[in-house]
Protein backbone atom coordinates (compact mmCIF):
# COMPACT_ATOMS: atom_id res chain seq x y z
CA MET A 1 24.17 14.66 -8.73
CA ASN A 2 21.02 16.60 -9.52
CA GLN A 3 22.07 17.11 -13.13
CA ASP A 4 23.01 13.44 -13.50
CA PHE A 5 19.69 12.42 -11.97
CA PHE A 6 17.75 14.18 -14.71
CA LYS A 7 20.20 13.16 -17.44
CA TYR A 8 20.66 9.45 -16.73
CA GLN A 9 17.73 8.25 -14.61
CA ALA A 10 14.36 7.72 -16.30
CA GLN A 11 11.70 10.19 -15.17
CA THR A 12 7.99 9.57 -14.73
CA THR A 13 6.84 13.20 -14.74
CA PRO A 14 8.19 16.45 -16.22
CA TYR A 15 8.43 17.96 -12.73
CA ALA A 16 10.34 15.58 -10.45
CA ALA A 17 11.68 17.36 -7.36
CA GLY A 18 15.26 16.18 -7.72
CA PHE A 19 15.73 16.58 -3.96
CA GLU A 20 19.24 15.34 -3.09
CA VAL A 21 19.19 12.91 -0.15
CA GLU A 22 22.14 12.56 2.20
CA LYS A 23 20.67 10.18 4.79
CA ALA A 24 17.38 9.31 6.50
CA GLU A 25 16.70 8.30 10.08
CA GLY A 26 13.53 8.02 12.15
CA SER A 27 10.95 10.56 10.99
CA TYR A 28 13.49 12.69 9.11
CA ILE A 29 15.17 12.81 5.70
CA TYR A 30 18.37 14.85 5.55
CA GLY A 31 19.29 16.67 2.36
CA LYS A 32 22.75 17.31 1.00
CA ASN A 33 21.98 20.95 1.70
CA GLY A 34 22.42 20.14 5.40
CA LYS A 35 18.74 20.58 6.22
CA ALA A 36 16.47 18.11 8.06
CA TYR A 37 12.99 17.45 6.68
CA LEU A 38 10.21 15.96 8.79
CA ASP A 39 8.62 13.21 6.70
CA PHE A 40 4.82 13.00 6.62
CA VAL A 41 4.85 10.67 3.58
CA ALA A 42 7.05 7.72 4.63
CA GLY A 43 8.00 6.80 1.08
CA VAL A 44 4.26 6.75 0.18
CA SER A 45 3.25 4.49 3.09
CA ALA A 46 6.30 2.24 2.67
CA ASN A 47 8.46 3.11 5.67
CA THR A 48 6.21 1.69 8.37
CA LEU A 49 8.83 2.02 11.12
CA GLY A 50 10.41 5.21 9.85
CA HIS A 51 13.76 5.48 8.16
CA SER A 52 16.61 3.09 8.93
CA HIS A 53 14.90 1.46 11.90
CA PRO A 54 17.68 -0.33 13.80
CA LYS A 55 15.85 -3.67 13.99
CA VAL A 56 15.28 -3.68 10.23
CA VAL A 57 18.84 -2.59 9.46
CA ASN A 58 20.31 -5.20 11.81
CA ALA A 59 18.15 -7.93 10.30
CA ILE A 60 19.44 -7.02 6.84
CA LYS A 61 23.06 -6.98 8.01
CA GLU A 62 22.76 -10.33 9.79
CA GLN A 63 21.22 -11.99 6.75
CA ALA A 64 23.77 -10.40 4.39
CA ASP A 65 26.53 -12.06 6.40
CA LYS A 66 24.91 -15.50 5.85
CA TYR A 67 23.78 -15.54 2.22
CA LEU A 68 21.88 -13.52 -0.37
CA HIS A 69 20.03 -15.03 -3.33
CA VAL A 70 20.57 -18.78 -3.62
CA MET A 71 17.72 -20.15 -5.76
CA VAL A 72 14.55 -19.11 -7.57
CA TYR A 73 11.36 -18.90 -5.51
CA GLY A 74 9.83 -22.01 -4.04
CA GLU A 75 12.72 -24.47 -4.36
CA TYR A 76 14.82 -24.14 -1.21
CA ALA A 77 13.69 -23.80 2.41
CA GLN A 78 15.26 -20.60 3.74
CA GLU A 79 14.91 -19.49 7.34
CA LYS A 80 13.65 -15.89 7.02
CA PRO A 81 11.07 -16.40 4.24
CA VAL A 82 9.64 -19.42 6.09
CA GLU A 83 9.48 -17.54 9.40
CA LEU A 84 7.81 -14.58 7.69
CA CYS A 85 5.10 -16.69 6.06
CA LYS A 86 4.47 -18.59 9.31
CA LEU A 87 4.11 -15.39 11.33
CA LEU A 88 1.73 -13.93 8.73
CA ALA A 89 -0.43 -17.05 9.03
CA GLU A 90 -0.45 -16.78 12.83
CA ALA A 91 -1.31 -13.06 12.72
CA THR A 92 -4.22 -13.28 10.26
CA PRO A 93 -7.62 -14.96 10.58
CA GLU A 94 -8.59 -18.22 8.90
CA PRO A 95 -8.70 -19.29 6.14
CA LEU A 96 -5.64 -17.15 5.28
CA GLU A 97 -2.70 -19.47 5.80
CA VAL A 98 -0.33 -19.60 2.80
CA THR A 99 1.71 -16.69 1.43
CA TYR A 100 3.35 -16.26 -1.96
CA LEU A 101 6.22 -13.76 -1.66
CA VAL A 102 6.94 -11.53 -4.66
CA ASN A 103 8.86 -8.36 -5.50
CA SER A 104 6.22 -5.63 -5.34
CA GLY A 105 2.60 -4.86 -4.65
CA ALA A 106 1.83 -4.63 -8.36
CA GLU A 107 3.28 -8.09 -8.99
CA ALA A 108 1.22 -9.39 -6.10
CA ILE A 109 -1.90 -7.94 -7.75
CA ASP A 110 -1.04 -9.72 -11.00
CA GLY A 111 -0.43 -12.96 -9.12
CA SER A 112 -3.73 -12.68 -7.25
CA LEU A 113 -5.68 -12.18 -10.49
CA LYS A 114 -4.01 -15.23 -12.01
CA LEU A 115 -4.76 -17.25 -8.89
CA ALA A 116 -8.45 -16.31 -8.93
CA LYS A 117 -8.85 -17.17 -12.60
CA ARG A 118 -6.97 -20.44 -12.18
CA TYR A 119 -8.94 -21.55 -9.11
CA THR A 120 -12.41 -20.63 -10.35
CA GLY A 121 -11.91 -21.48 -14.02
CA ARG A 122 -13.65 -18.21 -14.85
CA GLU A 123 -12.46 -15.23 -16.90
CA GLU A 124 -14.39 -12.12 -15.83
CA ILE A 125 -12.87 -9.71 -13.30
CA ILE A 126 -14.87 -7.06 -11.47
CA ALA A 127 -12.87 -4.00 -10.42
CA PHE A 128 -13.78 -0.52 -9.21
CA LYS A 129 -14.00 2.94 -10.67
CA GLU A 130 -11.23 5.20 -9.33
CA ALA A 131 -9.28 2.16 -8.10
CA TYR A 132 -5.49 2.01 -8.18
CA HIS A 133 -3.56 -1.24 -7.87
CA GLY A 134 -0.18 -0.53 -9.49
CA ASN A 135 1.25 -0.09 -12.97
CA THR A 136 2.08 -3.50 -14.43
CA HIS A 137 -0.22 -4.46 -17.30
CA GLY A 138 -2.37 -6.63 -15.06
CA ALA A 139 -2.61 -4.08 -12.25
CA LEU A 140 -3.30 -1.29 -14.74
CA SER A 141 -6.08 -3.37 -16.27
CA VAL A 142 -8.02 -3.26 -12.99
CA ALA A 143 -7.27 0.41 -12.31
CA GLY A 144 -10.30 2.64 -12.55
CA ASN A 145 -8.93 5.83 -14.09
CA GLU A 146 -8.95 5.88 -17.88
CA VAL A 147 -6.55 8.83 -18.15
CA HIS A 148 -3.76 6.63 -16.77
CA LYS A 149 -4.72 3.65 -18.94
CA ARG A 150 -5.69 4.76 -22.41
CA GLU A 151 -2.19 5.03 -23.90
CA PHE A 152 -1.30 1.48 -22.84
CA ARG A 153 -4.23 -0.45 -24.30
CA PRO A 154 -4.89 -3.21 -25.12
CA LEU A 155 -4.99 -4.37 -21.52
CA LEU A 156 -6.59 -7.46 -19.96
CA PRO A 157 -9.98 -8.29 -21.50
CA MET A 158 -13.17 -9.06 -19.57
CA VAL A 159 -12.61 -6.52 -16.80
CA ASN A 160 -15.81 -4.72 -15.79
CA PHE A 161 -16.08 -1.84 -13.34
CA ILE A 162 -18.50 -1.02 -10.57
CA GLU A 163 -18.78 1.91 -8.18
CA PHE A 164 -17.27 1.82 -4.68
CA ASN A 165 -19.87 1.97 -1.90
CA ASN A 166 -22.76 1.38 -4.33
CA GLU A 167 -24.57 -1.86 -3.46
CA ASN A 168 -26.85 -1.40 -6.48
CA ASP A 169 -23.92 -2.53 -8.64
CA PHE A 170 -23.74 -5.95 -6.98
CA ASN A 171 -25.98 -7.46 -9.66
CA LYS A 172 -23.02 -7.12 -12.04
CA ILE A 173 -21.18 -9.74 -9.96
CA THR A 174 -22.42 -13.04 -11.42
CA GLU A 175 -21.61 -16.73 -11.89
CA LYS A 176 -19.27 -15.62 -14.70
CA THR A 177 -17.13 -13.60 -12.28
CA ALA A 178 -13.78 -15.08 -11.23
CA CYS A 179 -13.03 -12.39 -8.69
CA VAL A 180 -13.86 -8.97 -7.34
CA ILE A 181 -10.72 -6.93 -6.63
CA VAL A 182 -11.01 -3.89 -4.40
CA GLU A 183 -8.89 -1.66 -2.19
CA THR A 184 -10.02 -1.85 1.43
CA ILE A 185 -9.57 1.93 1.47
CA GLN A 186 -9.44 3.54 -1.97
CA GLY A 187 -5.99 5.13 -2.13
CA ALA A 188 -5.41 7.22 -5.25
CA ALA A 189 -9.01 8.46 -5.09
CA GLY A 190 -8.34 10.24 -1.79
CA PHE A 191 -8.41 7.56 0.93
CA ILE A 192 -12.12 6.83 0.51
CA MET A 193 -13.56 4.66 3.29
CA PRO A 194 -16.14 1.90 2.83
CA LYS A 195 -19.58 2.80 4.17
CA ASP A 196 -21.60 0.96 6.83
CA ASN A 197 -21.70 -2.79 6.10
CA TYR A 198 -20.56 -2.42 2.51
CA PHE A 199 -17.85 -5.09 2.69
CA ILE A 200 -20.09 -7.53 4.53
CA GLN A 201 -22.63 -7.25 1.72
CA LEU A 202 -19.93 -7.43 -0.96
CA LYS A 203 -18.47 -10.62 0.54
CA LYS A 204 -21.97 -12.09 0.79
CA ARG A 205 -22.58 -11.41 -2.91
CA CYS A 206 -19.24 -13.00 -3.87
CA GLU A 207 -20.11 -16.11 -1.87
CA GLU A 208 -23.56 -16.31 -3.50
CA VAL A 209 -22.09 -16.51 -7.01
CA GLY A 210 -18.83 -18.32 -6.20
CA ALA A 211 -16.53 -15.41 -6.98
CA LEU A 212 -13.37 -14.80 -4.95
CA LEU A 213 -12.92 -11.53 -3.08
CA ILE A 214 -9.44 -10.03 -3.44
CA LEU A 215 -8.59 -7.22 -1.02
CA ASP A 216 -5.75 -4.87 -1.92
CA GLU A 217 -4.09 -3.88 1.37
CA ILE A 218 -0.89 -2.57 -0.21
CA GLN A 219 -1.33 0.85 1.42
CA PRO A 220 -3.38 0.30 4.60
CA GLY A 221 -1.68 -2.93 5.65
CA PHE A 222 0.87 -3.43 8.42
CA GLY A 223 -0.74 -1.37 11.13
CA ARG A 224 -1.41 1.88 9.29
CA THR A 225 -5.10 1.94 10.28
CA GLY A 226 -4.65 0.56 13.81
CA LYS A 227 -5.11 -3.07 12.79
CA LEU A 228 -2.55 -5.27 11.05
CA PHE A 229 -4.82 -5.15 8.00
CA ALA A 230 -7.68 -2.72 7.47
CA PHE A 231 -10.22 -5.44 6.61
CA GLU A 232 -10.20 -6.35 10.32
CA HIS A 233 -12.25 -3.19 10.96
CA PHE A 234 -15.05 -4.32 8.67
CA GLY A 235 -16.11 -7.79 9.76
CA ILE A 236 -14.87 -9.85 6.81
CA VAL A 237 -11.93 -11.95 5.67
CA PRO A 238 -10.94 -11.90 1.97
CA ASP A 239 -10.37 -15.01 -0.11
CA ILE A 240 -7.09 -13.50 -1.32
CA LEU A 241 -5.16 -10.80 0.53
CA VAL A 242 -2.63 -8.61 -1.29
CA MET A 243 0.11 -6.69 0.52
CA GLY A 244 3.25 -4.67 -0.22
CA LYS A 245 4.70 -1.21 0.55
CA GLY A 246 4.90 -1.06 4.39
CA MET A 247 5.48 -4.80 4.60
CA GLY A 248 9.22 -4.39 4.05
CA GLY A 249 10.06 -1.45 6.29
CA GLY A 250 11.76 0.27 3.35
CA VAL A 251 12.77 -2.56 1.02
CA PRO A 252 10.91 -3.72 -2.13
CA VAL A 253 8.46 -6.53 -1.43
CA GLY A 254 4.94 -7.76 -2.09
CA ALA A 255 2.88 -10.84 -1.34
CA PHE A 256 -0.50 -12.43 -1.85
CA MET A 257 -2.05 -14.73 0.69
CA SER A 258 -4.90 -17.25 0.62
CA SER A 259 -6.03 -20.65 1.87
CA LYS A 260 -3.95 -23.73 1.18
CA GLU A 261 -6.68 -25.05 -1.11
CA ILE A 262 -6.85 -21.94 -3.29
CA MET A 263 -3.11 -21.27 -3.39
CA SER A 264 -2.23 -24.85 -4.33
CA SER A 265 -3.99 -24.43 -7.67
CA LEU A 266 -0.93 -22.50 -8.91
CA SER A 267 1.24 -25.60 -8.46
CA HIS A 268 -0.34 -27.84 -11.08
CA SER A 269 -2.18 -27.94 -14.40
CA PRO A 270 0.06 -26.25 -15.34
CA LYS A 271 2.80 -26.31 -12.73
CA LEU A 272 4.65 -23.05 -12.10
CA GLY A 273 1.42 -21.04 -12.25
CA HIS A 274 3.39 -18.03 -11.07
CA ILE A 275 7.16 -17.73 -11.26
CA THR A 276 9.52 -15.21 -9.70
CA THR A 277 13.29 -15.29 -9.41
CA PHE A 278 13.74 -12.87 -6.52
CA GLY A 279 10.42 -13.25 -4.69
CA GLY A 280 11.12 -14.49 -1.16
CA ASN A 281 14.66 -13.14 -1.31
CA PRO A 282 16.20 -13.84 2.12
CA LEU A 283 17.50 -10.28 2.58
CA ILE A 284 14.08 -8.80 1.86
CA ALA A 285 12.34 -11.46 3.96
CA ALA A 286 14.62 -10.65 6.91
CA ALA A 287 13.67 -6.99 6.73
CA SER A 288 9.98 -7.85 6.35
CA LEU A 289 10.06 -10.26 9.27
CA ALA A 290 11.71 -7.66 11.51
CA THR A 291 9.09 -5.12 10.46
CA LEU A 292 6.17 -7.46 11.10
CA LYS A 293 7.49 -8.48 14.53
CA GLU A 294 7.93 -4.85 15.57
CA VAL A 295 4.45 -3.88 14.36
CA LEU A 296 2.91 -6.79 16.28
CA GLU A 297 4.93 -6.43 19.48
CA SER A 298 5.68 -2.72 19.91
CA GLY A 299 2.23 -1.28 20.62
CA LEU A 300 2.48 1.04 17.62
CA MET A 301 -0.88 -0.13 16.24
CA GLU A 302 -2.58 0.71 19.51
CA GLU A 303 -1.21 4.27 19.31
CA THR A 304 -2.53 4.89 15.81
CA ASP A 305 -6.05 5.93 16.79
CA LYS A 306 -4.74 8.51 19.26
CA LYS A 307 -2.37 9.91 16.62
CA GLU A 308 -5.17 10.13 14.05
CA LYS A 309 -7.30 12.09 16.52
CA LEU A 310 -4.41 14.49 17.12
CA PHE A 311 -4.00 15.10 13.38
CA ARG A 312 -7.74 15.77 13.04
CA GLU A 313 -7.72 18.06 16.07
CA LEU A 314 -4.81 20.11 14.72
CA LEU A 315 -5.67 20.25 11.02
CA VAL A 316 -8.55 22.69 11.26
CA HIS A 317 -8.40 25.64 8.87
CA PRO A 318 -10.81 27.52 6.56
CA LYS A 319 -8.88 26.23 3.54
CA ILE A 320 -9.26 22.56 4.61
CA LYS A 321 -12.52 21.21 3.15
CA ASN A 322 -12.42 17.78 4.82
CA VAL A 323 -10.05 15.00 5.90
CA ASN A 324 -10.57 11.45 4.58
CA GLY A 325 -9.05 8.17 5.72
CA LYS A 326 -8.27 6.28 8.88
CA GLY A 327 -5.33 5.98 11.26
CA LEU A 328 -2.12 7.30 9.75
CA MET A 329 -3.59 7.17 6.25
CA LEU A 330 -5.17 10.61 5.86
CA ALA A 331 -6.02 12.79 2.86
CA VAL A 332 -6.54 16.52 3.41
CA ASN A 333 -8.80 18.18 0.84
CA LEU A 334 -7.44 21.62 -0.10
CA GLY A 335 -9.92 22.29 -2.88
CA SER A 336 -7.79 22.25 -6.03
CA PRO A 337 -4.71 20.46 -7.42
CA GLU A 338 -2.95 23.76 -8.09
CA TYR A 339 -3.35 24.94 -4.53
CA THR A 340 -2.30 21.60 -3.06
CA LEU A 341 0.92 21.63 -5.09
CA LYS A 342 1.70 25.17 -3.92
CA VAL A 343 1.10 24.25 -0.29
CA ALA A 344 3.24 21.11 -0.59
CA SER A 345 6.05 23.18 -2.08
CA ARG A 346 5.86 25.74 0.72
CA CYS A 347 5.86 22.96 3.33
CA MET A 348 9.03 21.56 1.75
CA GLU A 349 10.67 24.99 2.00
CA LYS A 350 9.79 24.98 5.68
CA GLY A 351 11.20 21.50 6.32
CA LEU A 352 8.13 19.27 5.99
CA ILE A 353 7.57 16.61 3.33
CA VAL A 354 3.96 16.13 2.22
CA PHE A 355 2.61 14.77 -1.07
CA TRP A 356 -0.64 14.48 -3.00
CA GLN A 357 -2.96 11.72 -4.19
CA LEU A 358 -2.41 10.20 -7.63
CA TYR A 359 -5.90 10.71 -9.07
CA ARG A 360 -7.26 13.42 -6.81
CA ASN A 361 -4.48 15.99 -6.58
CA GLU A 362 -6.64 18.30 -4.48
CA TYR A 363 -6.01 15.90 -1.61
CA MET A 364 -2.75 16.27 0.31
CA ARG A 365 -1.40 12.93 1.53
CA ILE A 366 -0.45 12.43 5.16
CA SER A 367 0.99 8.96 5.74
CA PRO A 368 3.86 9.29 8.22
CA PRO A 369 5.71 6.39 9.84
CA LEU A 370 3.82 4.60 12.60
CA THR A 371 6.72 5.59 14.84
CA ILE A 372 6.04 9.31 14.52
CA SER A 373 5.81 11.07 17.89
CA GLU A 374 3.07 13.41 19.09
CA GLU A 375 5.67 16.18 19.23
CA GLU A 376 6.54 15.58 15.56
CA ILE A 377 2.85 15.53 14.63
CA ARG A 378 2.36 18.91 16.30
CA LYS A 379 5.47 20.31 14.61
CA GLY A 380 4.41 19.15 11.14
CA CYS A 381 0.80 20.29 11.49
CA ALA A 382 2.01 23.74 12.60
CA ILE A 383 4.04 23.97 9.38
CA ILE A 384 0.98 22.97 7.30
CA LEU A 385 -1.13 25.65 8.96
CA GLU A 386 1.61 28.24 8.38
CA ALA A 387 1.76 27.27 4.71
CA LEU A 388 -2.01 27.52 4.38
CA ASN A 389 -1.88 31.02 5.84
CA GLU A 390 0.93 32.09 3.53
CA VAL A 391 -0.12 30.56 0.20
CA GLU A 392 -2.96 32.28 -1.65
């Protein structure tokens, strides 16, 4: 299988691991080599409830017995997509009330940009340096790392960039601006947190000039920071909320959410302002609904702060420069990309899966399932410390 993987499946780097997976359950992935690997990555923040959570699996099976795809998005009323959108509206603050279900976080980013331009009638987009929003042409256009963009130009025009946590850049947000798009916590840059009242001031500036604020919650959403969405920590509500990854509990999904007034602008002049065949797929919606219900009802969000504190208590070592992030969205600075890759490789040898940040490879990613136990946290952190002691 390993040989066929490299021969027939398209690769995105010259150094894919090629790890052969047999099964995955809870906090563990099991290889075909018979070994169990504790997972501190959760499919890059996607497996909110761990692997093969029984409620998610059962929801998929029950829906599969009824029907799969029946019609393109937005035509038929189907039980699970409707329930999912209703529960999202009930679980989020006003004026968020209407959800457009799509296939991925990147598609949701593209849809949110279209929505902002359509609603405001403006063309300029303000994005952030070191931002990452996905890899479709639209999402790449608002990414803030030129190394990942330059070979794919031309991208969207009229995108201007400002610096995260720098209020002096707010004067670049003007009456020409359709939207400001920003990650609530900058992901690929190393889980960089907003400072003080930064988001309150950013939202105020958007309101002053009539620009919409789009928050990308693709990574921190669905309980990862101890709230359903990370913006709830910072005293604001976005005009458009983007989600994905952990929303599906392990299946591909994305969505963007706004007020009825804003979202309705996609339905006319022209109609079909965004179109997707498989968005709102009932199988995916069933899994997403089961995930959302479990996050809201299980108490997992309330445990996140305690688990973060345990990680920070245990991950103390001379080779650890600092730890960024919040909740179960942590980035451990090991000083250099080369060293981080060596440590990650040694951890894998010892039965622990860790990863690194896309732009800042010196940061080791820790984003385990919300279901991870304190015992598993202690076990994984012990392996990290062993690797740090062993790798020069």
